[in-house]
Each structure stands twice: as C-alpha cells, then as structure tokens.
Amino acid sequence: MTACGSDNSQDSTPTGTTTATSAAAAATSAAAAPAPTAEELQATLNGFVDPAKPTAEKEKLVVGGDKRAANIDTMTKGLANYGTITFTVADIKTEGDQATGQVTITSPHGPAGPMPLTWQHSAAGWQLSDASACQILAMGMAPCQP
C-alpha cells in the first residue's frame, strides 16, 4: 500500500507541473496580441478624425483617451469643414502588445509622412498610443500639454 501511495504522489507531481505549464502557456497566449491588419489600424485613425463621430467614441480609440477629451473636441471642431483626410498604414511591426506602422496622411493640403505611429492592444482592441494621438492632435491644431 505504501508503494501505491508513492505512485499516486509521483503521478500528481507531473500532473501539477503539466497544469502549471499549461496555465503559463495559456497566459502567454492570452498576452500575445494578434497582429493587426493595416485596415484595422487605418480604421482607428479614420474614426479618430471623423468629424461626425462623438468625442466619447473617439476617446475609446486612444490609450487613456479620456484625458484628451478637450483636445479631441478642439480637433473635431476644426475638422468640421476641413475636407477628407485619409491614412495609409504600411510596414507594420508588432512586438508583444504594441504595433508600429509607417503612416502617410493625405489631406486637402496634400500628403504628409510617412511617419511612425504606434498602437497598443488592450481588451478594447488596437488603440492609438497617447503619443501618436498627440501627433495627430497637434496637426489638428489641438496639441497635447505635458
């Protein structure tokens, strides 16, 4: 009977190790964000500069966007009669939960860029980083204050 008890404890040790390893692998998989597509990242940018979209919706497109509400309001008012702005995202590099893409912006004044912009993956999906949002806000005459 002692031998059986010894066998059971040996069986449970590998099982515990396997369970811990499986849990660690699941956590790693959950932490690794799926690589974004250019269309996903462009949709974030398009939504951010859409004059018809309310500020509360735009805040959700930016990491910590609620602290930029006044800037977003100012930019949105300025874009009301500005014309169409389009974005082209290329050369996307993903590392963990961050992605960087080379973005060309085309406005009624012509193209600008390419320039690197970054996104962070969260439960809300791919959100524009605060620093990148501030780059766009500055172009929209609504610069972020430190």
N, C-alpha and C. Protein backbone atom coordinates (compact mmCIF):
# COMPACT_ATOMS: atom_id res chain seq x y z
N MET A 1 0.82 -1.19 0.00
CA MET A 1 0.00 0.00 0.00
C MET A 1 0.87 1.26 0.00
N THR A 2 1.99 1.20 0.65
CA THR A 2 2.88 2.34 0.64
C THR A 2 3.35 2.61 -0.77
N ALA A 3 3.63 1.54 -1.53
CA ALA A 3 4.07 1.71 -2.91
C ALA A 3 2.99 2.39 -3.73
N CYS A 4 1.72 2.03 -3.49
CA CYS A 4 0.63 2.68 -4.23
C CYS A 4 0.55 4.16 -3.88
N GLY A 5 0.69 4.47 -2.60
CA GLY A 5 0.66 5.87 -2.18
C GLY A 5 1.80 6.64 -2.81
N SER A 6 2.96 6.01 -2.92
CA SER A 6 4.11 6.67 -3.53
C SER A 6 3.86 6.91 -5.01
N ASP A 7 3.25 5.92 -5.69
CA ASP A 7 2.94 6.08 -7.11
C ASP A 7 1.96 7.22 -7.32
N ASN A 8 0.96 7.32 -6.45
CA ASN A 8 -0.03 8.39 -6.60
C ASN A 8 0.61 9.76 -6.46
N SER A 9 1.54 9.91 -5.50
CA SER A 9 2.15 11.22 -5.33
C SER A 9 3.05 11.56 -6.50
N GLN A 10 3.71 10.52 -7.08
CA GLN A 10 4.53 10.80 -8.26
C GLN A 10 3.65 11.18 -9.43
N ASP A 11 2.49 10.52 -9.56
CA ASP A 11 1.58 10.85 -10.65
C ASP A 11 1.04 12.28 -10.50
N SER A 12 0.77 12.70 -9.26
CA SER A 12 0.19 14.02 -9.09
C SER A 12 1.23 15.12 -9.30
N THR A 13 2.50 14.85 -9.02
CA THR A 13 3.53 15.87 -9.22
C THR A 13 3.66 16.24 -10.69
N PRO A 14 3.82 15.24 -11.60
CA PRO A 14 3.89 15.63 -13.00
C PRO A 14 2.60 16.31 -13.48
N THR A 15 1.45 15.83 -12.96
CA THR A 15 0.19 16.45 -13.37
C THR A 15 0.17 17.91 -12.93
N GLY A 16 0.62 18.19 -11.69
CA GLY A 16 0.68 19.57 -11.21
C GLY A 16 1.62 20.39 -12.07
N THR A 17 2.75 19.82 -12.45
CA THR A 17 3.71 20.53 -13.29
C THR A 17 3.11 20.80 -14.66
N THR A 18 2.43 19.78 -15.20
CA THR A 18 1.80 19.93 -16.50
C THR A 18 0.73 21.01 -16.44
N THR A 19 -0.06 21.00 -15.36
CA THR A 19 -1.10 22.01 -15.21
C THR A 19 -0.49 23.40 -15.11
N ALA A 20 0.57 23.53 -14.33
CA ALA A 20 1.22 24.84 -14.19
C ALA A 20 1.80 25.29 -15.52
N THR A 21 2.41 24.34 -16.25
CA THR A 21 2.97 24.67 -17.55
C THR A 21 1.86 25.07 -18.51
N SER A 22 0.75 24.34 -18.49
CA SER A 22 -0.38 24.67 -19.36
C SER A 22 -0.95 26.04 -19.01
N ALA A 23 -1.05 26.34 -17.72
CA ALA A 23 -1.56 27.64 -17.30
C ALA A 23 -0.63 28.75 -17.76
N ALA A 24 0.68 28.52 -17.65
CA ALA A 24 1.64 29.53 -18.10
C ALA A 24 1.54 29.72 -19.61
N ALA A 25 1.38 28.63 -20.35
CA ALA A 25 1.25 28.72 -21.80
C ALA A 25 -0.03 29.47 -22.18
N ALA A 26 -1.11 29.22 -21.45
CA ALA A 26 -2.37 29.92 -21.73
C ALA A 26 -2.22 31.40 -21.44
N ALA A 27 -1.53 31.74 -20.35
CA ALA A 27 -1.32 33.16 -20.02
C ALA A 27 -0.48 33.83 -21.09
N THR A 28 0.55 33.12 -21.59
CA THR A 28 1.39 33.68 -22.64
C THR A 28 0.57 33.89 -23.91
N SER A 29 -0.27 32.92 -24.25
CA SER A 29 -1.10 33.05 -25.45
C SER A 29 -2.09 34.20 -25.30
N ALA A 30 -2.66 34.35 -24.10
CA ALA A 30 -3.62 35.43 -23.88
C ALA A 30 -2.92 36.78 -23.96
N ALA A 31 -1.66 36.85 -23.50
CA ALA A 31 -0.94 38.12 -23.51
C ALA A 31 -0.48 38.51 -24.91
N ALA A 32 -0.22 37.52 -25.76
CA ALA A 32 0.25 37.82 -27.11
C ALA A 32 -0.94 38.29 -27.95
N ALA A 33 -0.85 39.52 -28.40
CA ALA A 33 -1.94 40.10 -29.19
C ALA A 33 -1.84 39.62 -30.63
N PRO A 34 -2.99 39.41 -31.28
CA PRO A 34 -2.94 39.06 -32.70
C PRO A 34 -2.41 40.25 -33.50
N ALA A 35 -1.60 39.97 -34.48
CA ALA A 35 -1.03 41.05 -35.30
C ALA A 35 -2.16 41.81 -35.99
N PRO A 36 -2.11 43.13 -35.93
CA PRO A 36 -3.17 43.92 -36.56
C PRO A 36 -2.99 43.99 -38.07
N THR A 37 -4.08 44.21 -38.76
CA THR A 37 -4.01 44.44 -40.20
C THR A 37 -3.91 45.94 -40.44
N ALA A 38 -3.46 46.31 -41.61
CA ALA A 38 -3.39 47.73 -41.97
C ALA A 38 -4.79 48.34 -41.91
N GLU A 39 -5.79 47.57 -42.32
CA GLU A 39 -7.17 48.07 -42.31
C GLU A 39 -7.64 48.37 -40.90
N GLU A 40 -7.29 47.49 -39.93
CA GLU A 40 -7.67 47.73 -38.53
C GLU A 40 -7.08 49.04 -38.02
N LEU A 41 -5.80 49.23 -38.28
CA LEU A 41 -5.12 50.43 -37.80
C LEU A 41 -5.63 51.67 -38.51
N GLN A 42 -5.89 51.56 -39.80
CA GLN A 42 -6.46 52.69 -40.56
C GLN A 42 -7.84 53.04 -40.03
N ALA A 43 -8.64 52.03 -39.65
CA ALA A 43 -9.98 52.28 -39.12
C ALA A 43 -9.90 53.09 -37.82
N THR A 44 -8.89 52.81 -37.00
CA THR A 44 -8.69 53.58 -35.77
C THR A 44 -8.43 55.04 -36.11
N LEU A 45 -7.53 55.26 -37.06
CA LEU A 45 -7.20 56.64 -37.47
C LEU A 45 -8.39 57.34 -38.11
N ASN A 46 -9.10 56.64 -38.99
CA ASN A 46 -10.27 57.23 -39.65
C ASN A 46 -11.32 57.64 -38.62
N GLY A 47 -11.56 56.77 -37.65
CA GLY A 47 -12.53 57.09 -36.60
C GLY A 47 -12.09 58.28 -35.76
N PHE A 48 -10.80 58.36 -35.51
CA PHE A 48 -10.26 59.43 -34.67
C PHE A 48 -10.45 60.81 -35.30
N VAL A 49 -10.37 60.90 -36.61
CA VAL A 49 -10.52 62.21 -37.27
C VAL A 49 -11.89 62.42 -37.90
N ASP A 50 -12.81 61.49 -37.71
CA ASP A 50 -14.15 61.61 -38.29
C ASP A 50 -14.93 62.71 -37.56
N PRO A 51 -15.25 63.83 -38.24
CA PRO A 51 -15.95 64.91 -37.56
C PRO A 51 -17.37 64.54 -37.11
N ALA A 52 -17.93 63.48 -37.67
CA ALA A 52 -19.29 63.07 -37.30
C ALA A 52 -19.30 62.17 -36.05
N LYS A 53 -18.15 61.66 -35.65
CA LYS A 53 -18.08 60.74 -34.51
C LYS A 53 -17.97 61.55 -33.22
N PRO A 54 -18.78 61.21 -32.20
CA PRO A 54 -18.71 61.94 -30.93
C PRO A 54 -17.38 61.72 -30.20
N THR A 55 -17.00 62.70 -29.41
CA THR A 55 -15.75 62.64 -28.65
C THR A 55 -15.67 61.39 -27.79
N ALA A 56 -16.76 61.01 -27.14
CA ALA A 56 -16.76 59.83 -26.26
C ALA A 56 -16.35 58.58 -27.03
N GLU A 57 -16.76 58.45 -28.28
CA GLU A 57 -16.35 57.30 -29.10
C GLU A 57 -14.88 57.40 -29.48
N LYS A 58 -14.42 58.60 -29.78
CA LYS A 58 -13.02 58.80 -30.17
C LYS A 58 -12.08 58.51 -29.00
N GLU A 59 -12.51 58.84 -27.78
CA GLU A 59 -11.70 58.57 -26.59
C GLU A 59 -11.35 57.09 -26.50
N LYS A 60 -12.27 56.22 -26.89
CA LYS A 60 -12.07 54.77 -26.82
C LYS A 60 -11.04 54.27 -27.84
N LEU A 61 -10.71 55.09 -28.81
CA LEU A 61 -9.74 54.70 -29.84
C LEU A 61 -8.30 54.98 -29.42
N VAL A 62 -8.14 55.65 -28.26
CA VAL A 62 -6.82 56.08 -27.79
C VAL A 62 -6.57 55.52 -26.39
N VAL A 63 -5.35 55.05 -26.14
CA VAL A 63 -4.97 54.62 -24.80
C VAL A 63 -5.07 55.85 -23.88
N GLY A 64 -5.89 55.75 -22.83
CA GLY A 64 -6.08 56.89 -21.92
C GLY A 64 -6.77 58.06 -22.59
N GLY A 65 -7.61 57.77 -23.58
CA GLY A 65 -8.24 58.82 -24.37
C GLY A 65 -9.10 59.78 -23.59
N ASP A 66 -9.61 59.35 -22.44
CA ASP A 66 -10.46 60.25 -21.65
C ASP A 66 -9.72 61.50 -21.20
N LYS A 67 -8.40 61.41 -21.03
CA LYS A 67 -7.64 62.60 -20.61
C LYS A 67 -7.38 63.56 -21.78
N ARG A 68 -7.75 63.17 -22.99
CA ARG A 68 -7.56 64.01 -24.18
C ARG A 68 -8.88 64.53 -24.74
N ALA A 69 -9.96 64.45 -23.96
CA ALA A 69 -11.29 64.85 -24.45
C ALA A 69 -11.30 66.29 -24.97
N ALA A 70 -10.71 67.22 -24.24
CA ALA A 70 -10.72 68.63 -24.68
C ALA A 70 -9.96 68.80 -25.99
N ASN A 71 -8.82 68.10 -26.13
CA ASN A 71 -8.04 68.17 -27.37
C ASN A 71 -8.85 67.59 -28.53
N ILE A 72 -9.50 66.47 -28.27
CA ILE A 72 -10.30 65.82 -29.32
C ILE A 72 -11.44 66.73 -29.75
N ASP A 73 -12.11 67.38 -28.79
CA ASP A 73 -13.18 68.33 -29.12
C ASP A 73 -12.66 69.44 -30.03
N THR A 74 -11.51 70.01 -29.66
CA THR A 74 -10.93 71.10 -30.45
C THR A 74 -10.60 70.65 -31.86
N MET A 75 -9.97 69.46 -31.98
CA MET A 75 -9.63 68.94 -33.30
C MET A 75 -10.89 68.69 -34.13
N THR A 76 -11.89 68.08 -33.51
CA THR A 76 -13.13 67.75 -34.22
C THR A 76 -13.80 69.01 -34.76
N LYS A 77 -13.85 70.06 -33.96
CA LYS A 77 -14.45 71.32 -34.42
C LYS A 77 -13.67 71.87 -35.61
N GLY A 78 -12.35 71.78 -35.55
CA GLY A 78 -11.52 72.27 -36.64
C GLY A 78 -11.66 71.46 -37.92
N LEU A 79 -12.02 70.19 -37.78
CA LEU A 79 -12.15 69.31 -38.96
C LEU A 79 -13.53 69.39 -39.61
N ALA A 80 -14.47 70.06 -38.96
CA ALA A 80 -15.86 70.09 -39.45
C ALA A 80 -15.97 70.48 -40.92
N ASN A 81 -15.22 71.46 -41.36
CA ASN A 81 -15.29 71.91 -42.76
C ASN A 81 -13.94 71.78 -43.46
N TYR A 82 -13.10 70.91 -42.96
CA TYR A 82 -11.74 70.81 -43.46
C TYR A 82 -11.62 70.03 -44.76
N GLY A 83 -12.41 69.01 -44.90
CA GLY A 83 -12.28 68.13 -46.06
C GLY A 83 -11.87 66.73 -45.63
N THR A 84 -11.70 65.87 -46.58
CA THR A 84 -11.40 64.47 -46.30
C THR A 84 -9.93 64.25 -45.96
N ILE A 85 -9.72 63.46 -44.92
CA ILE A 85 -8.37 63.04 -44.53
C ILE A 85 -8.34 61.52 -44.66
N THR A 86 -7.32 61.01 -45.33
CA THR A 86 -7.16 59.56 -45.45
C THR A 86 -5.80 59.15 -44.91
N PHE A 87 -5.72 57.89 -44.52
CA PHE A 87 -4.49 57.34 -43.96
C PHE A 87 -4.11 56.08 -44.71
N THR A 88 -2.83 55.89 -44.90
CA THR A 88 -2.30 54.65 -45.43
C THR A 88 -1.28 54.15 -44.43
N VAL A 89 -1.50 52.93 -43.92
CA VAL A 89 -0.60 52.33 -42.94
C VAL A 89 0.17 51.22 -43.64
N ALA A 90 1.49 51.24 -43.51
CA ALA A 90 2.34 50.22 -44.14
C ALA A 90 3.45 49.81 -43.17
N ASP A 91 4.17 48.77 -43.54
CA ASP A 91 5.34 48.30 -42.77
C ASP A 91 5.02 48.16 -41.28
N ILE A 92 3.98 47.39 -40.97
CA ILE A 92 3.57 47.20 -39.58
C ILE A 92 4.51 46.21 -38.90
N LYS A 93 5.03 46.62 -37.76
CA LYS A 93 5.88 45.76 -36.93
C LYS A 93 5.16 45.58 -35.59
N THR A 94 4.99 44.32 -35.19
CA THR A 94 4.32 44.03 -33.93
C THR A 94 5.30 43.40 -32.96
N GLU A 95 5.31 43.91 -31.74
CA GLU A 95 6.14 43.34 -30.68
C GLU A 95 5.29 43.29 -29.42
N GLY A 96 4.89 42.07 -29.03
CA GLY A 96 4.03 41.91 -27.87
C GLY A 96 2.68 42.57 -28.13
N ASP A 97 2.31 43.50 -27.25
CA ASP A 97 1.02 44.18 -27.39
C ASP A 97 1.16 45.56 -28.02
N GLN A 98 2.29 45.80 -28.70
CA GLN A 98 2.48 47.08 -29.39
C GLN A 98 2.71 46.86 -30.88
N ALA A 99 2.20 47.77 -31.66
CA ALA A 99 2.41 47.74 -33.11
C ALA A 99 2.83 49.13 -33.56
N THR A 100 3.75 49.17 -34.51
CA THR A 100 4.18 50.43 -35.10
C THR A 100 4.00 50.31 -36.60
N GLY A 101 3.43 51.33 -37.19
CA GLY A 101 3.25 51.35 -38.64
C GLY A 101 3.71 52.68 -39.20
N GLN A 102 4.13 52.65 -40.44
CA GLN A 102 4.50 53.88 -41.15
C GLN A 102 3.23 54.43 -41.78
N VAL A 103 2.85 55.62 -41.38
CA VAL A 103 1.56 56.19 -41.77
C VAL A 103 1.76 57.41 -42.67
N THR A 104 1.09 57.38 -43.81
CA THR A 104 1.04 58.53 -44.70
C THR A 104 -0.36 59.12 -44.58
N ILE A 105 -0.40 60.42 -44.33
CA ILE A 105 -1.67 61.13 -44.18
C ILE A 105 -1.89 61.98 -45.42
N THR A 106 -3.07 61.86 -46.00
CA THR A 106 -3.41 62.70 -47.15
C THR A 106 -4.59 63.58 -46.75
N SER A 107 -4.39 64.89 -46.89
CA SER A 107 -5.42 65.86 -46.53
C SER A 107 -5.63 66.79 -47.72
N PRO A 108 -6.56 67.74 -47.62
CA PRO A 108 -6.74 68.71 -48.71
C PRO A 108 -5.46 69.50 -49.01
N HIS A 109 -4.53 69.53 -48.08
CA HIS A 109 -3.26 70.24 -48.29
C HIS A 109 -2.18 69.36 -48.90
N GLY A 110 -2.50 68.09 -49.16
CA GLY A 110 -1.53 67.17 -49.75
C GLY A 110 -1.09 66.11 -48.75
N PRO A 111 -0.15 65.26 -49.17
CA PRO A 111 0.29 64.17 -48.30
C PRO A 111 1.34 64.61 -47.28
N ALA A 112 1.37 63.92 -46.16
CA ALA A 112 2.39 64.10 -45.13
C ALA A 112 2.85 62.72 -44.69
N GLY A 113 4.14 62.59 -44.46
CA GLY A 113 4.66 61.31 -43.99
C GLY A 113 5.46 60.64 -45.07
N PRO A 114 5.76 59.39 -44.92
CA PRO A 114 5.30 58.54 -43.84
C PRO A 114 5.98 58.88 -42.50
N MET A 115 5.22 58.61 -41.43
CA MET A 115 5.72 58.83 -40.08
C MET A 115 5.32 57.63 -39.23
N PRO A 116 6.15 57.28 -38.26
CA PRO A 116 5.80 56.13 -37.41
C PRO A 116 4.74 56.51 -36.38
N LEU A 117 3.69 55.72 -36.32
CA LEU A 117 2.68 55.84 -35.27
C LEU A 117 2.58 54.50 -34.58
N THR A 118 2.20 54.52 -33.30
CA THR A 118 2.12 53.28 -32.53
C THR A 118 0.71 53.05 -32.00
N TRP A 119 0.41 51.77 -31.81
CA TRP A 119 -0.85 51.33 -31.24
C TRP A 119 -0.55 50.35 -30.12
N GLN A 120 -1.46 50.26 -29.18
CA GLN A 120 -1.35 49.32 -28.06
C GLN A 120 -2.58 48.43 -28.09
N HIS A 121 -2.37 47.12 -27.88
CA HIS A 121 -3.50 46.20 -27.85
C HIS A 121 -4.03 46.11 -26.42
N SER A 122 -5.34 46.19 -26.29
CA SER A 122 -5.99 46.07 -24.98
C SER A 122 -7.27 45.27 -25.17
N ALA A 123 -8.05 45.16 -24.12
CA ALA A 123 -9.34 44.47 -24.22
C ALA A 123 -10.24 45.16 -25.24
N ALA A 124 -10.02 46.45 -25.47
CA ALA A 124 -10.82 47.21 -26.45
C ALA A 124 -10.34 47.00 -27.88
N GLY A 125 -9.24 46.29 -28.06
CA GLY A 125 -8.67 46.09 -29.39
C GLY A 125 -7.42 46.93 -29.57
N TRP A 126 -7.08 47.25 -30.79
CA TRP A 126 -5.89 48.07 -31.07
C TRP A 126 -6.26 49.54 -30.91
N GLN A 127 -5.61 50.20 -29.94
CA GLN A 127 -5.84 51.61 -29.67
C GLN A 127 -4.60 52.41 -30.02
N LEU A 128 -4.81 53.60 -30.51
CA LEU A 128 -3.72 54.52 -30.82
C LEU A 128 -3.03 54.90 -29.52
N SER A 129 -1.70 54.88 -29.50
CA SER A 129 -0.98 55.28 -28.29
C SER A 129 -1.23 56.76 -28.02
N ASP A 130 -1.05 57.17 -26.78
CA ASP A 130 -1.25 58.57 -26.42
C ASP A 130 -0.29 59.46 -27.21
N ALA A 131 0.97 59.04 -27.33
CA ALA A 131 1.96 59.85 -28.06
C ALA A 131 1.56 60.03 -29.52
N SER A 132 1.07 58.96 -30.15
CA SER A 132 0.67 59.06 -31.56
C SER A 132 -0.60 59.89 -31.71
N ALA A 133 -1.53 59.74 -30.77
CA ALA A 133 -2.73 60.58 -30.80
C ALA A 133 -2.34 62.05 -30.69
N CYS A 134 -1.36 62.34 -29.83
CA CYS A 134 -0.91 63.72 -29.66
C CYS A 134 -0.27 64.27 -30.94
N GLN A 135 0.40 63.41 -31.72
CA GLN A 135 0.94 63.86 -33.01
C GLN A 135 -0.19 64.31 -33.93
N ILE A 136 -1.24 63.52 -33.99
CA ILE A 136 -2.37 63.85 -34.85
C ILE A 136 -3.12 65.07 -34.30
N LEU A 137 -3.29 65.13 -32.99
CA LEU A 137 -3.97 66.28 -32.39
C LEU A 137 -3.20 67.57 -32.66
N ALA A 138 -1.87 67.51 -32.62
CA ALA A 138 -1.06 68.70 -32.92
C ALA A 138 -1.28 69.16 -34.35
N MET A 139 -1.38 68.21 -35.29
CA MET A 139 -1.66 68.56 -36.68
C MET A 139 -3.05 69.17 -36.81
N GLY A 140 -3.96 68.76 -35.92
CA GLY A 140 -5.32 69.28 -35.92
C GLY A 140 -5.48 70.53 -35.07
N MET A 141 -4.36 71.20 -34.79
CA MET A 141 -4.35 72.44 -34.00
C MET A 141 -4.93 72.26 -32.60
N ALA A 142 -4.71 71.07 -32.02
CA ALA A 142 -5.18 70.77 -30.67
C ALA A 142 -4.07 70.05 -29.90
N PRO A 143 -2.88 70.67 -29.79
CA PRO A 143 -1.73 69.99 -29.20
C PRO A 143 -1.95 69.58 -27.75
N CYS A 144 -1.36 68.44 -27.39
CA CYS A 144 -1.41 67.95 -26.01
C CYS A 144 -0.47 68.79 -25.16
N GLN A 145 -0.87 69.04 -23.94
CA GLN A 145 0.00 69.75 -23.00
C GLN A 145 0.65 68.70 -22.10
N PRO A 146 1.93 68.87 -21.79
CA PRO A 146 2.61 67.87 -20.95
C PRO A 146 2.00 67.71 -19.58
